[in-house]
Amino acid sequence: MIAAGLFALLIIVGLITMQKPVLRYKLTEKETLVVANSADDQLSPDKAKEILKAKNPGFRFIDIRAPYEFIDSHIDGAVNIPLSNLFSEENYKFLKQVDAENKTLVLYGIDQSQANAPWMLLKQLGITKVLILQGGYLYYTGEQSVKTDSITKNRYDAEIARYNFAEMVKGLSKSDQEAGTKTIPQKVITTPKPKSTAPAAGGC
């Protein structure tokens, strides 16, 4: 009885002293899917440069790269919050404060993929005004380019298929086109199992 009473007391004390989590998701699964499929939360490098040139105070650029990369070079006016510390209590409060001031956060990493997951997490946590810099820092600065055929373009979205299969099919005759969709049945050849001449092993 004493042990059971102490165990119950321990549980009650644990429930009373348990701290509530600092980070809580605000979006449902359906709302998250809608956000993930939307392209509204992406900021092009050209638009970002216009915002910075106009010194628009309604935007805060957040550099989530490592501190040494930020020291080497960064977007003017950006705040460095490395990805590993982005969701610490202090930094999360800062991001919430920026959102409360009705300013838009613009996340950028080395490339766009580095900022995708943090952007989604911030959205799920209820920070509504947060954008991703398309292409990341390398495309913003023009240090990385996309090669399309023989032309090199400094664009984050420049992507051209290497082959145009529709045009290739047009050059084929109708019988050749149909042959590509037919499956040729394979003939199965069976070989008889040779009979063994050795006496059966074992016995009664």
Protein backbone atom coordinates (compact mmCIF):
# COMPACT_ATOMS: atom_id res chain seq x y z
CA MET A 1 0.00 0.00 0.00
CA ILE A 2 2.80 2.41 0.91
CA ALA A 3 4.63 1.66 -2.36
CA ALA A 4 1.44 2.21 -4.38
CA GLY A 5 0.79 5.51 -2.60
CA LEU A 6 4.35 6.74 -3.26
CA PHE A 7 4.07 5.73 -6.92
CA ALA A 8 0.79 7.67 -7.30
CA LEU A 9 2.32 10.69 -5.54
CA LEU A 10 5.30 10.54 -7.89
CA ILE A 11 3.00 10.57 -10.95
CA ILE A 12 1.01 13.54 -9.59
CA VAL A 13 4.19 15.54 -8.90
CA GLY A 14 5.48 14.70 -12.40
CA LEU A 15 2.27 15.92 -14.03
CA ILE A 16 2.27 19.17 -12.00
CA THR A 17 5.92 20.01 -12.72
CA MET A 18 5.86 18.91 -16.39
CA GLN A 19 6.57 21.83 -18.70
CA LYS A 20 4.44 22.46 -21.75
CA PRO A 21 6.31 22.17 -25.09
CA VAL A 22 7.51 25.50 -26.49
CA LEU A 23 6.82 24.48 -30.09
CA ARG A 24 3.33 23.37 -31.08
CA TYR A 25 1.97 22.68 -34.54
CA LYS A 26 -0.87 24.98 -35.57
CA LEU A 27 -1.71 23.52 -39.00
CA THR A 28 -3.68 20.36 -39.66
CA GLU A 29 -2.45 17.74 -42.13
CA LYS A 30 -4.78 19.07 -44.86
CA GLU A 31 -3.67 22.67 -44.29
CA THR A 32 -0.02 21.57 -44.44
CA LEU A 33 -0.60 19.85 -47.81
CA VAL A 34 -2.23 23.00 -49.21
CA VAL A 35 0.78 25.08 -48.10
CA ALA A 36 3.27 22.54 -49.49
CA ASN A 37 1.59 22.53 -52.92
CA SER A 38 1.46 26.32 -53.15
CA ALA A 39 4.12 28.39 -54.93
CA ASP A 40 3.05 31.62 -53.20
CA ASP A 41 5.76 31.37 -50.54
CA GLN A 42 8.70 31.59 -52.93
CA LEU A 43 10.62 34.78 -53.58
CA SER A 44 12.62 35.07 -56.79
CA PRO A 45 16.20 36.38 -56.63
CA ASP A 46 15.25 39.33 -58.86
CA LYS A 47 12.37 40.32 -56.56
CA ALA A 48 14.65 39.96 -53.53
CA LYS A 49 17.15 42.35 -55.10
CA GLU A 50 14.37 44.86 -55.75
CA ILE A 51 13.27 44.64 -52.09
CA LEU A 52 16.83 45.17 -50.86
CA LYS A 53 17.48 48.03 -53.27
CA ALA A 54 14.30 49.77 -52.08
CA LYS A 55 15.35 49.08 -48.44
CA ASN A 56 11.87 47.73 -47.73
CA PRO A 57 11.56 47.46 -43.93
CA GLY A 58 8.78 44.87 -44.21
CA PHE A 59 11.23 42.03 -44.92
CA ARG A 60 13.85 40.28 -42.74
CA PHE A 61 16.31 37.98 -44.49
CA ILE A 62 17.37 34.99 -42.38
CA ASP A 63 20.60 33.24 -43.41
CA ILE A 64 20.49 29.64 -42.14
CA ARG A 65 23.99 28.72 -43.36
CA ALA A 66 26.92 28.05 -41.05
CA PRO A 67 28.49 31.10 -39.34
CA TYR A 68 31.75 30.81 -41.30
CA GLU A 69 29.80 30.91 -44.57
CA PHE A 70 27.86 33.94 -43.36
CA ILE A 71 31.09 35.75 -42.36
CA ASP A 72 32.60 35.01 -45.77
CA SER A 73 29.66 36.64 -47.61
CA HIS A 74 25.94 37.19 -47.14
CA ILE A 75 22.96 39.27 -48.25
CA ASP A 76 23.13 42.81 -46.85
CA GLY A 77 21.07 43.18 -43.68
CA ALA A 78 20.55 39.43 -43.25
CA VAL A 79 20.55 37.85 -39.78
CA ASN A 80 22.54 34.65 -39.37
CA ILE A 81 20.65 31.93 -37.50
CA PRO A 82 22.31 28.59 -38.34
CA LEU A 83 19.91 25.78 -39.13
CA SER A 84 21.04 23.78 -36.09
CA ASN A 85 19.92 26.64 -33.77
CA LEU A 86 16.91 27.89 -35.73
CA PHE A 87 14.37 26.38 -33.33
CA SER A 88 16.10 27.17 -30.05
CA GLU A 89 13.85 29.00 -27.60
CA GLU A 90 15.65 32.34 -28.04
CA ASN A 91 15.71 32.24 -31.85
CA TYR A 92 12.13 31.01 -32.13
CA LYS A 93 11.00 33.94 -29.96
CA PHE A 94 12.87 36.31 -32.28
CA LEU A 95 11.18 34.81 -35.36
CA LYS A 96 7.78 35.02 -33.66
CA GLN A 97 8.47 38.68 -32.78
CA VAL A 98 9.29 39.49 -36.43
CA ASP A 99 6.06 37.77 -37.48
CA ALA A 100 4.10 39.69 -34.81
CA GLU A 101 5.50 42.95 -36.22
CA ASN A 102 3.84 41.99 -39.53
CA LYS A 103 7.19 41.62 -41.27
CA THR A 104 7.95 38.86 -43.77
CA LEU A 105 10.76 36.41 -43.05
CA VAL A 106 12.82 35.30 -46.05
CA LEU A 107 14.79 32.11 -45.40
CA TYR A 108 17.80 31.24 -47.51
CA GLY A 109 20.49 28.59 -47.36
CA ILE A 110 23.28 27.47 -49.66
CA ASP A 111 20.61 26.28 -52.07
CA GLN A 112 16.84 26.19 -51.96
CA SER A 113 16.64 22.62 -50.63
CA GLN A 114 18.39 23.67 -47.40
CA ALA A 115 15.56 26.09 -46.57
CA ASN A 116 12.59 23.90 -47.59
CA ALA A 117 12.21 21.92 -44.35
CA PRO A 118 12.72 24.91 -41.97
CA TRP A 119 10.19 26.92 -44.00
CA MET A 120 7.61 24.14 -43.68
CA LEU A 121 8.22 23.77 -39.94
CA LEU A 122 7.80 27.51 -39.36
CA LYS A 123 4.55 27.40 -41.33
CA GLN A 124 3.31 24.48 -39.24
CA LEU A 125 4.22 26.34 -36.05
CA GLY A 126 1.98 29.24 -37.04
CA ILE A 127 4.42 31.78 -38.52
CA THR A 128 2.39 32.84 -41.54
CA LYS A 129 4.63 35.38 -43.28
CA VAL A 130 7.68 33.33 -44.23
CA LEU A 131 9.14 32.92 -47.74
CA ILE A 132 11.93 30.88 -49.33
CA LEU A 133 14.53 32.55 -51.52
CA GLN A 134 14.33 30.57 -54.74
CA GLY A 135 17.59 28.91 -55.68
CA GLY A 136 19.25 29.89 -52.39
CA TYR A 137 22.33 32.04 -51.92
CA LEU A 138 24.33 30.56 -54.81
CA TYR A 139 21.72 31.49 -57.41
CA TYR A 140 21.15 34.88 -55.79
CA THR A 141 24.83 35.74 -56.20
CA GLY A 142 25.16 34.04 -59.60
CA GLU A 143 27.89 31.71 -58.30
CA GLN A 144 25.93 28.70 -59.50
CA SER A 145 24.36 28.42 -62.92
CA VAL A 146 22.15 25.93 -64.70
CA LYS A 147 23.45 24.59 -68.00
CA THR A 148 20.72 24.14 -70.60
CA ASP A 149 21.95 22.60 -73.87
CA SER A 150 24.87 24.81 -74.99
CA ILE A 151 23.66 27.92 -73.15
CA THR A 152 24.47 28.65 -69.54
CA LYS A 153 21.88 30.75 -67.73
CA ASN A 154 22.09 32.18 -64.22
CA ARG A 155 18.54 31.17 -63.35
CA TYR A 156 17.17 29.01 -60.54
CA ASP A 157 14.31 27.72 -62.68
CA ALA A 158 16.08 27.14 -66.00
CA GLU A 159 15.49 23.51 -66.85
CA ILE A 160 15.10 22.06 -70.33
CA ALA A 161 14.65 18.38 -71.14
CA ARG A 162 17.66 16.85 -72.85
CA TYR A 163 15.51 14.94 -75.36
CA ASN A 164 12.18 15.82 -76.97
CA PHE A 165 10.58 12.38 -77.16
CA ALA A 166 7.41 13.68 -78.85
CA GLU A 167 9.48 14.97 -81.79
CA MET A 168 11.46 11.72 -81.93
CA VAL A 169 8.27 9.64 -82.19
CA LYS A 170 6.92 11.84 -85.01
CA GLY A 171 9.80 10.71 -87.23
CA LEU A 172 8.89 7.02 -86.86
CA SER A 173 6.50 5.16 -89.14
CA LYS A 174 3.14 4.02 -87.74
CA SER A 175 4.23 0.37 -87.66
CA ASP A 176 7.40 1.31 -85.73
CA GLN A 177 5.36 3.33 -83.22
CA GLU A 178 2.96 0.42 -82.70
CA ALA A 179 5.83 -2.04 -82.36
CA GLY A 180 7.10 -0.07 -79.40
CA THR A 181 3.86 -0.64 -77.51
CA LYS A 182 3.52 -4.38 -78.20
CA THR A 183 4.99 -7.03 -75.98
CA ILE A 184 6.41 -10.09 -77.69
CA PRO A 185 5.40 -13.31 -75.91
CA GLN A 186 8.36 -15.38 -74.84
CA LYS A 187 8.32 -19.10 -75.64
CA VAL A 188 9.14 -21.21 -72.62
CA ILE A 189 11.35 -24.20 -73.41
CA THR A 190 11.29 -26.98 -70.85
CA THR A 191 13.93 -29.67 -70.66
CA PRO A 192 13.01 -33.10 -69.26
CA LYS A 193 14.72 -34.11 -66.03
CA PRO A 194 17.08 -37.03 -66.62
CA LYS A 195 16.07 -40.28 -64.95
CA SER A 196 18.42 -41.51 -62.27
CA THR A 197 19.81 -45.06 -62.67
CA ALA A 198 21.16 -45.25 -59.12
CA PRO A 199 19.21 -47.35 -56.61
CA ALA A 200 17.07 -45.45 -54.13
CA ALA A 201 18.93 -44.64 -50.92
CA GLY A 202 17.63 -45.68 -47.53
CA GLY A 203 15.36 -48.59 -46.77
CA CYS A 204 13.00 -49.94 -44.17
